Amino acid sequence: MPRPKKQAFRRSEWIFDWKRSNSSAVSFWSAILLVGALFGCAILSLRVKMVEPVTLEAPQARVIHLSGKGWSRALAMEAKAQGPFPSRFEPSSWSGTRSVQSEILEASQPRLAVHQPRLLPLPDPGIQPPEMARRAEPVLPQRSLEISVPELTAALQLSPVISAVDGIRADELPKTLPKWVGPVTEGLAARSWKFLVELQSDGRVHQLVSLAGGQELSPPELAAWLRGAVFVNKARKEGRRWVAVAIEFQNQNQADGTDPE
């Protein structure tokens, strides 16, 4: 069976024109020479710098233990001076700091000339001032100073006085206080004694508790004296209530008796 003949394609039907055209050889060789010249210029313009590789040394260090005596101290000072972190100069540790400071202060202070005023003679007034009073004689009249001192009709005596602390008004305190019987010692008169008192509806003391702080307790005779006081209970409907009062010793006239005010 005879083979089929290959179909010949025309150049206009090709996708890419792979076949060289039938032109002259001059254009072909001129293109090759142009490309070769450009490639040669690119090769000649290329510069390649050869650098030797840097050899890195392994980090090493030495530790020297120095004591604080002799040559060890000298080595430590030299290491600080020649090392990467030398010791800083401290002006306060230098012996010549004071002299330098004094010289700088003297140079910076202005030197002003001392002013010397020139005194001028005063003119003679010619008229003498009149004498208002003679010497060693009083000008204002003398008055006798009379001081009147009231006479005490009776001697003063230390007596207890009740004052309000909490839960009670001043007008609710006892109008008359029981008489204090017994001596008043320095321990009683030296401080204020506070009590927590439970009052009945009629104003009498039902019970009381001493508020003396620490290990010091209030005297029993002072608590017995407070039990005899009768308060003014204006709110009788409330029944019993707790109030806080204080007892102090003050000088009272014996003739007037004990005064709560």
C-alpha atoms as a PDB file:
ATOM      1  CA  MET A   1       0.000   0.000   0.000  1.00  0.00           C
ATOM      2  CA  PRO A   2       1.563   3.277  -0.915  1.00  0.00           C
ATOM      3  CA  ARG A   3       2.350   5.748   1.977  1.00  0.00           C
ATOM      4  CA  PRO A   4       0.387   8.957   2.035  1.00  0.00           C
ATOM      5  CA  LYS A   5       2.302  12.004   1.051  1.00  0.00           C
ATOM      6  CA  LYS A   6       3.055  14.593   3.679  1.00  0.00           C
ATOM      7  CA  GLN A   7       0.925  17.641   3.320  1.00  0.00           C
ATOM      8  CA  ALA A   8       3.036  20.731   2.802  1.00  0.00           C
ATOM      9  CA  PHE A   9       2.029  23.813   4.848  1.00  0.00           C
ATOM     10  CA  ARG A  10       2.475  27.240   3.557  1.00  0.00           C
ATOM     11  CA  ARG A  11       4.455  29.749   5.627  1.00  0.00           C
ATOM     12  CA  SER A  12       1.419  31.886   6.150  1.00  0.00           C
ATOM     13  CA  GLU A  13      -0.269  29.005   7.960  1.00  0.00           C
ATOM     14  CA  TRP A  14       2.500  28.446  10.576  1.00  0.00           C
ATOM     15  CA  ILE A  15       1.995  29.584  14.149  1.00  0.00           C
ATOM     16  CA  PHE A  16       5.704  30.368  14.589  1.00  0.00           C
ATOM     17  CA  ASP A  17       8.002  31.095  11.741  1.00  0.00           C
ATOM     18  CA  TRP A  18      10.693  28.560  12.662  1.00  0.00           C
ATOM     19  CA  LYS A  19      12.255  28.480   9.249  1.00  0.00           C
ATOM     20  CA  ARG A  20      14.991  30.979   8.503  1.00  0.00           C
ATOM     21  CA  SER A  21      14.104  33.322   5.735  1.00  0.00           C
ATOM     22  CA  ASN A  22      16.073  33.254   2.540  1.00  0.00           C
ATOM     23  CA  SER A  23      17.778  36.609   3.210  1.00  0.00           C
ATOM     24  CA  SER A  24      21.448  37.459   2.751  1.00  0.00           C
ATOM     25  CA  ALA A  25      24.177  36.234   5.171  1.00  0.00           C
ATOM     26  CA  VAL A  26      25.338  39.772   5.982  1.00  0.00           C
ATOM     27  CA  SER A  27      22.494  40.505   8.361  1.00  0.00           C
ATOM     28  CA  PHE A  28      22.941  37.134  10.052  1.00  0.00           C
ATOM     29  CA  TRP A  29      26.630  37.620  10.806  1.00  0.00           C
ATOM     30  CA  SER A  30      26.162  41.256  11.811  1.00  0.00           C
ATOM     31  CA  ALA A  31      23.638  40.176  14.453  1.00  0.00           C
ATOM     32  CA  ILE A  32      26.041  37.540  15.773  1.00  0.00           C
ATOM     33  CA  LEU A  33      28.861  40.096  15.997  1.00  0.00           C
ATOM     34  CA  LEU A  34      26.602  42.584  17.836  1.00  0.00           C
ATOM     35  CA  VAL A  35      25.473  40.031  20.405  1.00  0.00           C
ATOM     36  CA  GLY A  36      29.066  38.808  20.886  1.00  0.00           C
ATOM     37  CA  ALA A  37      30.295  42.370  21.465  1.00  0.00           C
ATOM     38  CA  LEU A  38      27.639  42.992  24.078  1.00  0.00           C
ATOM     39  CA  PHE A  39      28.463  39.749  25.857  1.00  0.00           C
ATOM     40  CA  GLY A  40      32.163  40.584  25.850  1.00  0.00           C
ATOM     41  CA  CYS A  41      31.532  44.025  27.344  1.00  0.00           C
ATOM     42  CA  ALA A  42      29.429  42.441  30.101  1.00  0.00           C
ATOM     43  CA  ILE A  43      32.213  39.952  30.890  1.00  0.00           C
ATOM     44  CA  LEU A  44      34.884  42.662  30.978  1.00  0.00           C
ATOM     45  CA  SER A  45      32.809  44.962  33.241  1.00  0.00           C
ATOM     46  CA  LEU A  46      32.339  42.241  35.819  1.00  0.00           C
ATOM     47  CA  ARG A  47      34.661  42.619  38.828  1.00  0.00           C
ATOM     48  CA  VAL A  48      35.121  39.772  41.241  1.00  0.00           C
ATOM     49  CA  LYS A  49      36.829  40.624  44.555  1.00  0.00           C
ATOM     50  CA  MET A  50      38.414  37.740  46.346  1.00  0.00           C
ATOM     51  CA  VAL A  51      38.346  38.161  50.146  1.00  0.00           C
ATOM     52  CA  GLU A  52      40.224  35.884  52.420  1.00  0.00           C
ATOM     53  CA  PRO A  53      38.011  34.189  55.001  1.00  0.00           C
ATOM     54  CA  VAL A  54      38.200  35.584  58.524  1.00  0.00           C
ATOM     55  CA  THR A  55      39.192  33.035  61.089  1.00  0.00           C
ATOM     56  CA  LEU A  56      37.185  33.438  64.287  1.00  0.00           C
ATOM     57  CA  GLU A  57      38.983  32.598  67.459  1.00  0.00           C
ATOM     58  CA  ALA A  58      37.198  30.830  70.219  1.00  0.00           C
ATOM     59  CA  PRO A  59      36.400  33.198  73.162  1.00  0.00           C
ATOM     60  CA  GLN A  60      38.743  32.613  76.034  1.00  0.00           C
ATOM     61  CA  ALA A  61      39.129  34.268  79.415  1.00  0.00           C
ATOM     62  CA  ARG A  62      41.321  33.947  82.437  1.00  0.00           C
ATOM     63  CA  VAL A  63      40.307  34.445  86.011  1.00  0.00           C
ATOM     64  CA  ILE A  64      42.907  35.647  88.502  1.00  0.00           C
ATOM     65  CA  HIS A  65      41.963  35.761  92.152  1.00  0.00           C
ATOM     66  CA  LEU A  66      43.624  38.725  93.879  1.00  0.00           C
ATOM     67  CA  SER A  67      43.796  39.264  97.581  1.00  0.00           C
ATOM     68  CA  GLY A  68      43.673  42.710  99.145  1.00  0.00           C
ATOM     69  CA  LYS A  69      47.333  42.919 100.173  1.00  0.00           C
ATOM     70  CA  GLY A  70      50.660  43.718  98.554  1.00  0.00           C
ATOM     71  CA  TRP A  71      51.122  43.237  94.811  1.00  0.00           C
ATOM     72  CA  SER A  72      47.530  42.027  94.425  1.00  0.00           C
ATOM     73  CA  ARG A  73      46.231  45.517  95.151  1.00  0.00           C
ATOM     74  CA  ALA A  74      48.638  47.018  92.599  1.00  0.00           C
ATOM     75  CA  LEU A  75      47.478  44.541  89.947  1.00  0.00           C
ATOM     76  CA  ALA A  76      43.842  45.319  90.679  1.00  0.00           C
ATOM     77  CA  MET A  77      44.465  49.074  90.276  1.00  0.00           C
ATOM     78  CA  GLU A  78      46.328  48.518  87.010  1.00  0.00           C
ATOM     79  CA  ALA A  79      43.530  46.297  85.685  1.00  0.00           C
ATOM     80  CA  LYS A  80      40.965  48.987  86.414  1.00  0.00           C
ATOM     81  CA  ALA A  81      43.086  51.686  84.749  1.00  0.00           C
ATOM     82  CA  GLN A  82      43.852  49.691  81.570  1.00  0.00           C
ATOM     83  CA  GLY A  83      40.604  47.768  81.293  1.00  0.00           C
ATOM     84  CA  PRO A  84      37.529  48.673  79.208  1.00  0.00           C
ATOM     85  CA  PHE A  85      35.816  50.167  82.273  1.00  0.00           C
ATOM     86  CA  PRO A  86      38.387  52.351  84.073  1.00  0.00           C
ATOM     87  CA  SER A  87      37.578  53.768  87.458  1.00  0.00           C
ATOM     88  CA  ARG A  88      35.992  57.218  87.433  1.00  0.00           C
ATOM     89  CA  PHE A  89      37.780  60.162  88.944  1.00  0.00           C
ATOM     90  CA  GLU A  90      36.013  61.412  92.063  1.00  0.00           C
ATOM     91  CA  PRO A  91      36.774  65.073  92.833  1.00  0.00           C
ATOM     92  CA  SER A  92      35.666  64.617  96.445  1.00  0.00           C
ATOM     93  CA  SER A  93      38.486  62.110  97.060  1.00  0.00           C
ATOM     94  CA  TRP A  94      41.157  64.502  95.788  1.00  0.00           C
ATOM     95  CA  SER A  95      42.996  66.487  98.426  1.00  0.00           C
ATOM     96  CA  GLY A  96      43.279  69.597  96.243  1.00  0.00           C
ATOM     97  CA  THR A  97      39.542  69.960  95.687  1.00  0.00           C
ATOM     98  CA  ARG A  98      39.047  72.510  98.444  1.00  0.00           C
ATOM     99  CA  SER A  99      41.847  74.758  97.237  1.00  0.00           C
ATOM    100  CA  VAL A 100      40.545  74.699  93.666  1.00  0.00           C
ATOM    101  CA  GLN A 101      37.009  75.489  94.858  1.00  0.00           C
ATOM    102  CA  SER A 102      38.224  78.423  96.948  1.00  0.00           C
ATOM    103  CA  GLU A 103      40.208  79.839  94.008  1.00  0.00           C
ATOM    104  CA  ILE A 104      37.200  79.544  91.702  1.00  0.00           C
ATOM    105  CA  LEU A 105      34.952  81.290  94.256  1.00  0.00           C
ATOM    106  CA  GLU A 106      37.432  84.122  94.718  1.00  0.00           C
ATOM    107  CA  ALA A 107      37.775  84.581  90.961  1.00  0.00           C
ATOM    108  CA  SER A 108      33.995  84.539  90.373  1.00  0.00           C
ATOM    109  CA  GLN A 109      33.083  87.013  93.125  1.00  0.00           C
ATOM    110  CA  PRO A 110      33.076  90.648  92.028  1.00  0.00           C
ATOM    111  CA  ARG A 111      35.427  92.921  93.899  1.00  0.00           C
ATOM    112  CA  LEU A 112      33.681  96.146  94.748  1.00  0.00           C
ATOM    113  CA  ALA A 113      35.396  99.132  96.207  1.00  0.00           C
ATOM    114  CA  VAL A 114      34.412  99.986  99.784  1.00  0.00           C
ATOM    115  CA  HIS A 115      32.420 103.177  99.884  1.00  0.00           C
ATOM    116  CA  GLN A 116      33.754 105.717 102.342  1.00  0.00           C
ATOM    117  CA  PRO A 117      31.223 108.504 102.853  1.00  0.00           C
ATOM    118  CA  ARG A 118      32.467 112.013 103.368  1.00  0.00           C
ATOM    119  CA  LEU A 119      30.840 113.739 106.328  1.00  0.00           C
ATOM    120  CA  LEU A 120      29.824 117.356 105.868  1.00  0.00           C
ATOM    121  CA  PRO A 121      29.610 119.778 108.799  1.00  0.00           C
ATOM    122  CA  LEU A 122      26.076 120.617 109.939  1.00  0.00           C
ATOM    123  CA  PRO A 123      25.080 124.272 109.990  1.00  0.00           C
ATOM    124  CA  ASP A 124      24.570 125.984 113.333  1.00  0.00           C
ATOM    125  CA  PRO A 125      20.802 126.313 113.941  1.00  0.00           C
ATOM    126  CA  GLY A 126      21.225 129.337 116.165  1.00  0.00           C
ATOM    127  CA  ILE A 127      17.978 128.617 118.103  1.00  0.00           C
ATOM    128  CA  GLN A 128      18.005 126.212 121.008  1.00  0.00           C
ATOM    129  CA  PRO A 129      14.973 123.903 121.360  1.00  0.00           C
ATOM    130  CA  PRO A 130      12.720 124.686 124.333  1.00  0.00           C
ATOM    131  CA  GLU A 131      12.895 122.480 127.411  1.00  0.00           C
ATOM    132  CA  MET A 132       9.631 120.604 127.935  1.00  0.00           C
ATOM    133  CA  ALA A 133      10.614 119.261 131.351  1.00  0.00           C
ATOM    134  CA  ARG A 134      13.540 119.442 133.643  1.00  0.00           C
ATOM    135  CA  ARG A 135      15.879 116.591 134.068  1.00  0.00           C
ATOM    136  CA  ALA A 136      15.167 113.964 136.740  1.00  0.00           C
ATOM    137  CA  GLU A 137      11.650 115.317 137.274  1.00  0.00           C
ATOM    138  CA  PRO A 138       8.472 113.343 136.420  1.00  0.00           C
ATOM    139  CA  VAL A 139       6.290 114.721 133.656  1.00  0.00           C
ATOM    140  CA  LEU A 140       3.066 112.795 134.290  1.00  0.00           C
ATOM    141  CA  PRO A 141       1.336 112.855 137.684  1.00  0.00           C
ATOM    142  CA  GLN A 142       1.885 109.873 139.916  1.00  0.00           C
ATOM    143  CA  ARG A 143      -1.069 107.689 140.872  1.00  0.00           C
ATOM    144  CA  SER A 144      -1.178 105.212 143.705  1.00  0.00           C
ATOM    145  CA  LEU A 145      -1.945 101.678 142.587  1.00  0.00           C
ATOM    146  CA  GLU A 146      -4.431 100.039 144.918  1.00  0.00           C
ATOM    147  CA  ILE A 147      -4.901  96.291 144.631  1.00  0.00           C
ATOM    148  CA  SER A 148      -7.896  94.805 146.346  1.00  0.00           C
ATOM    149  CA  VAL A 149      -7.573  91.165 147.307  1.00  0.00           C
ATOM    150  CA  PRO A 150     -10.838  89.454 148.263  1.00  0.00           C
ATOM    151  CA  GLU A 151     -10.726  87.765 151.596  1.00  0.00           C
ATOM    152  CA  LEU A 152     -11.657  84.129 151.724  1.00  0.00           C
ATOM    153  CA  THR A 153     -14.414  83.596 154.232  1.00  0.00           C
ATOM    154  CA  ALA A 154     -13.777  79.877 154.435  1.00  0.00           C
ATOM    155  CA  ALA A 155     -11.043  77.460 153.536  1.00  0.00           C
ATOM    156  CA  LEU A 156     -11.131  75.537 150.274  1.00  0.00           C
ATOM    157  CA  GLN A 157     -11.464  71.784 150.234  1.00  0.00           C
ATOM    158  CA  LEU A 158     -11.054  69.199 147.472  1.00  0.00           C
ATOM    159  CA  SER A 159     -14.470  67.744 146.646  1.00  0.00           C
ATOM    160  CA  PRO A 160     -15.630  65.420 143.839  1.00  0.00           C
ATOM    161  CA  VAL A 161     -17.513  66.872 140.867  1.00  0.00           C
ATOM    162  CA  ILE A 162     -19.445  64.861 138.226  1.00  0.00           C
ATOM    163  CA  SER A 163     -19.188  65.751 134.503  1.00  0.00           C
ATOM    164  CA  ALA A 164     -20.985  64.214 131.498  1.00  0.00           C
ATOM    165  CA  VAL A 165     -19.028  61.986 129.083  1.00  0.00           C
ATOM    166  CA  ASP A 166     -21.539  60.152 126.866  1.00  0.00           C
ATOM    167  CA  GLY A 167     -25.268  59.374 126.839  1.00  0.00           C
ATOM    168  CA  ILE A 168     -26.236  62.172 129.213  1.00  0.00           C
ATOM    169  CA  ARG A 169     -26.614  65.944 129.014  1.00  0.00           C
ATOM    170  CA  ALA A 170     -25.250  68.514 131.442  1.00  0.00           C
ATOM    171  CA  ASP A 171     -28.749  69.457 132.657  1.00  0.00           C
ATOM    172  CA  GLU A 172     -29.367  65.827 133.655  1.00  0.00           C
ATOM    173  CA  LEU A 173     -26.485  65.743 136.159  1.00  0.00           C
ATOM    174  CA  PRO A 174     -27.312  65.729 139.909  1.00  0.00           C
ATOM    175  CA  LYS A 175     -28.263  69.133 141.280  1.00  0.00           C
ATOM    176  CA  THR A 176     -26.928  68.283 144.731  1.00  0.00           C
ATOM    177  CA  LEU A 177     -24.122  65.837 145.401  1.00  0.00           C
ATOM    178  CA  PRO A 178     -23.610  63.733 148.506  1.00  0.00           C
ATOM    179  CA  LYS A 179     -20.984  64.925 150.934  1.00  0.00           C
ATOM    180  CA  TRP A 180     -17.554  63.372 150.605  1.00  0.00           C
ATOM    181  CA  VAL A 181     -16.431  61.700 153.792  1.00  0.00           C
ATOM    182  CA  GLY A 182     -12.822  60.755 154.159  1.00  0.00           C
ATOM    183  CA  PRO A 183      -9.426  62.103 153.129  1.00  0.00           C
ATOM    184  CA  VAL A 184      -8.576  62.993 149.528  1.00  0.00           C
ATOM    185  CA  THR A 185      -5.276  61.365 148.610  1.00  0.00           C
ATOM    186  CA  GLU A 186      -2.945  62.462 145.830  1.00  0.00           C
ATOM    187  CA  GLY A 187      -3.908  59.421 143.750  1.00  0.00           C
ATOM    188  CA  LEU A 188      -7.578  60.439 143.843  1.00  0.00           C
ATOM    189  CA  ALA A 189      -7.047  64.105 142.972  1.00  0.00           C
ATOM    190  CA  ALA A 190      -4.388  63.516 140.300  1.00  0.00           C
ATOM    191  CA  ARG A 191      -6.652  62.026 137.614  1.00  0.00           C
ATOM    192  CA  SER A 192     -10.192  61.801 136.265  1.00  0.00           C
ATOM    193  CA  TRP A 193     -12.198  58.679 137.131  1.00  0.00           C
ATOM    194  CA  LYS A 194     -14.701  57.447 134.540  1.00  0.00           C
ATOM    195  CA  PHE A 195     -17.673  55.148 135.247  1.00  0.00           C
ATOM    196  CA  LEU A 196     -20.338  53.431 133.189  1.00  0.00           C
ATOM    197  CA  VAL A 197     -23.548  53.957 135.187  1.00  0.00           C
ATOM    198  CA  GLU A 198     -26.965  52.304 134.753  1.00  0.00           C
ATOM    199  CA  LEU A 199     -29.699  54.737 135.833  1.00  0.00           C
ATOM    200  CA  GLN A 200     -33.193  53.799 136.962  1.00  0.00           C
ATOM    201  CA  SER A 201     -36.316  55.660 135.917  1.00  0.00           C
ATOM    202  CA  ASP A 202     -36.179  57.770 139.100  1.00  0.00           C
ATOM    203  CA  GLY A 203     -32.564  58.836 138.425  1.00  0.00           C
ATOM    204  CA  ARG A 204     -30.914  56.649 141.056  1.00  0.00           C
ATOM    205  CA  VAL A 205     -27.882  54.517 140.284  1.00  0.00           C
ATOM    206  CA  HIS A 206     -28.746  50.843 139.813  1.00  0.00           C
ATOM    207  CA  GLN A 207     -25.240  49.567 139.071  1.00  0.00           C
ATOM    208  CA  LEU A 208     -21.953  50.949 137.790  1.00  0.00           C
ATOM    209  CA  VAL A 209     -18.744  49.733 136.165  1.00  0.00           C
ATOM    210  CA  SER A 210     -15.350  51.393 136.461  1.00  0.00           C
ATOM    211  CA  LEU A 211     -13.645  52.405 133.192  1.00  0.00           C
ATOM    212  CA  ALA A 212     -10.166  52.754 134.703  1.00  0.00           C
ATOM    213  CA  GLY A 213      -7.633  51.502 132.154  1.00  0.00           C
ATOM    214  CA  GLY A 214      -4.752  49.138 132.841  1.00  0.00           C
ATOM    215  CA  GLN A 215      -4.239  47.375 136.115  1.00  0.00           C
ATOM    216  CA  GLU A 216      -5.262  50.406 138.196  1.00  0.00           C
ATOM    217  CA  LEU A 217      -8.776  50.072 139.614  1.00  0.00           C
ATOM    218  CA  SER A 218     -11.025  52.831 140.893  1.00  0.00           C
ATOM    219  CA  PRO A 219     -11.242  53.209 144.692  1.00  0.00           C
ATOM    220  CA  PRO A 220     -14.303  51.556 146.278  1.00  0.00           C
ATOM    221  CA  GLU A 221     -15.129  54.668 148.312  1.00  0.00           C
ATOM    222  CA  LEU A 222     -15.470  56.654 145.076  1.00  0.00           C
ATOM    223  CA  ALA A 223     -17.928  54.105 143.671  1.00  0.00           C
ATOM    224  CA  ALA A 224     -19.896  54.161 146.938  1.00  0.00           C
ATOM    225  CA  TRP A 225     -20.072  57.981 146.781  1.00  0.00           C
ATOM    226  CA  LEU A 226     -21.373  57.834 143.188  1.00  0.00           C
ATOM    227  CA  ARG A 227     -24.131  55.375 144.195  1.00  0.00           C
ATOM    228  CA  GLY A 228     -25.572  58.039 146.500  1.00  0.00           C
ATOM    229  CA  ALA A 229     -25.993  60.632 143.716  1.00  0.00           C
ATOM    230  CA  VAL A 230     -29.461  61.153 142.194  1.00  0.00           C
ATOM    231  CA  PHE A 231     -29.529  62.159 138.490  1.00  0.00           C
ATOM    232  CA  VAL A 232     -32.287  64.095 136.734  1.00  0.00           C
ATOM    233  CA  ASN A 233     -33.910  61.545 134.427  1.00  0.00           C
ATOM    234  CA  LYS A 234     -36.154  63.591 132.153  1.00  0.00           C
ATOM    235  CA  ALA A 235     -37.082  60.621 129.934  1.00  0.00           C
ATOM    236  CA  ARG A 236     -38.745  58.435 132.591  1.00  0.00           C
ATOM    237  CA  LYS A 237     -40.606  56.364 129.992  1.00  0.00           C
ATOM    238  CA  GLU A 238     -37.361  54.859 128.720  1.00  0.00           C
ATOM    239  CA  GLY A 239     -36.776  52.967 131.927  1.00  0.00           C
ATOM    240  CA  ARG A 240     -33.196  52.050 132.680  1.00  0.00           C
ATOM    241  CA  ARG A 241     -30.348  53.310 130.544  1.00  0.00           C
ATOM    242  CA  TRP A 242     -26.552  53.348 130.541  1.00  0.00           C
ATOM    243  CA  VAL A 243     -24.561  56.590 130.640  1.00  0.00           C
ATOM    244  CA  ALA A 244     -20.876  57.466 131.023  1.00  0.00           C
ATOM    245  CA  VAL A 245     -19.726  60.072 133.546  1.00  0.00           C
ATOM    246  CA  ALA A 246     -16.404  61.295 134.934  1.00  0.00           C
ATOM    247  CA  ILE A 247     -15.495  62.297 138.487  1.00  0.00           C
ATOM    248  CA  GLU A 248     -12.805  64.892 139.208  1.00  0.00           C
ATOM    249  CA  PHE A 249     -11.703  66.575 142.427  1.00  0.00           C
ATOM    250  CA  GLN A 250     -11.840  70.379 142.511  1.00  0.00           C
ATOM    251  CA  ASN A 251     -11.411  73.020 145.185  1.00  0.00           C
ATOM    252  CA  GLN A 252     -14.792  73.851 146.732  1.00  0.00           C
ATOM    253  CA  ASN A 253     -15.772  76.262 149.505  1.00  0.00           C
ATOM    254  CA  GLN A 254     -16.681  74.415 152.680  1.00  0.00           C
ATOM    255  CA  ALA A 255     -19.373  76.938 153.542  1.00  0.00           C
ATOM    256  CA  ASP A 256     -21.141  76.521 150.168  1.00  0.00           C
ATOM    257  CA  GLY A 257     -20.903  72.742 150.128  1.00  0.00           C
ATOM    258  CA  THR A 258     -20.272  70.549 147.141  1.00  0.00           C
ATOM    259  CA  ASP A 259     -21.265  72.293 143.895  1.00  0.00           C
ATOM    260  CA  PRO A 260     -21.725  70.148 140.769  1.00  0.00           C
ATOM    261  CA  GLU A 261     -21.356  73.184 138.495  1.00  0.00           C
END
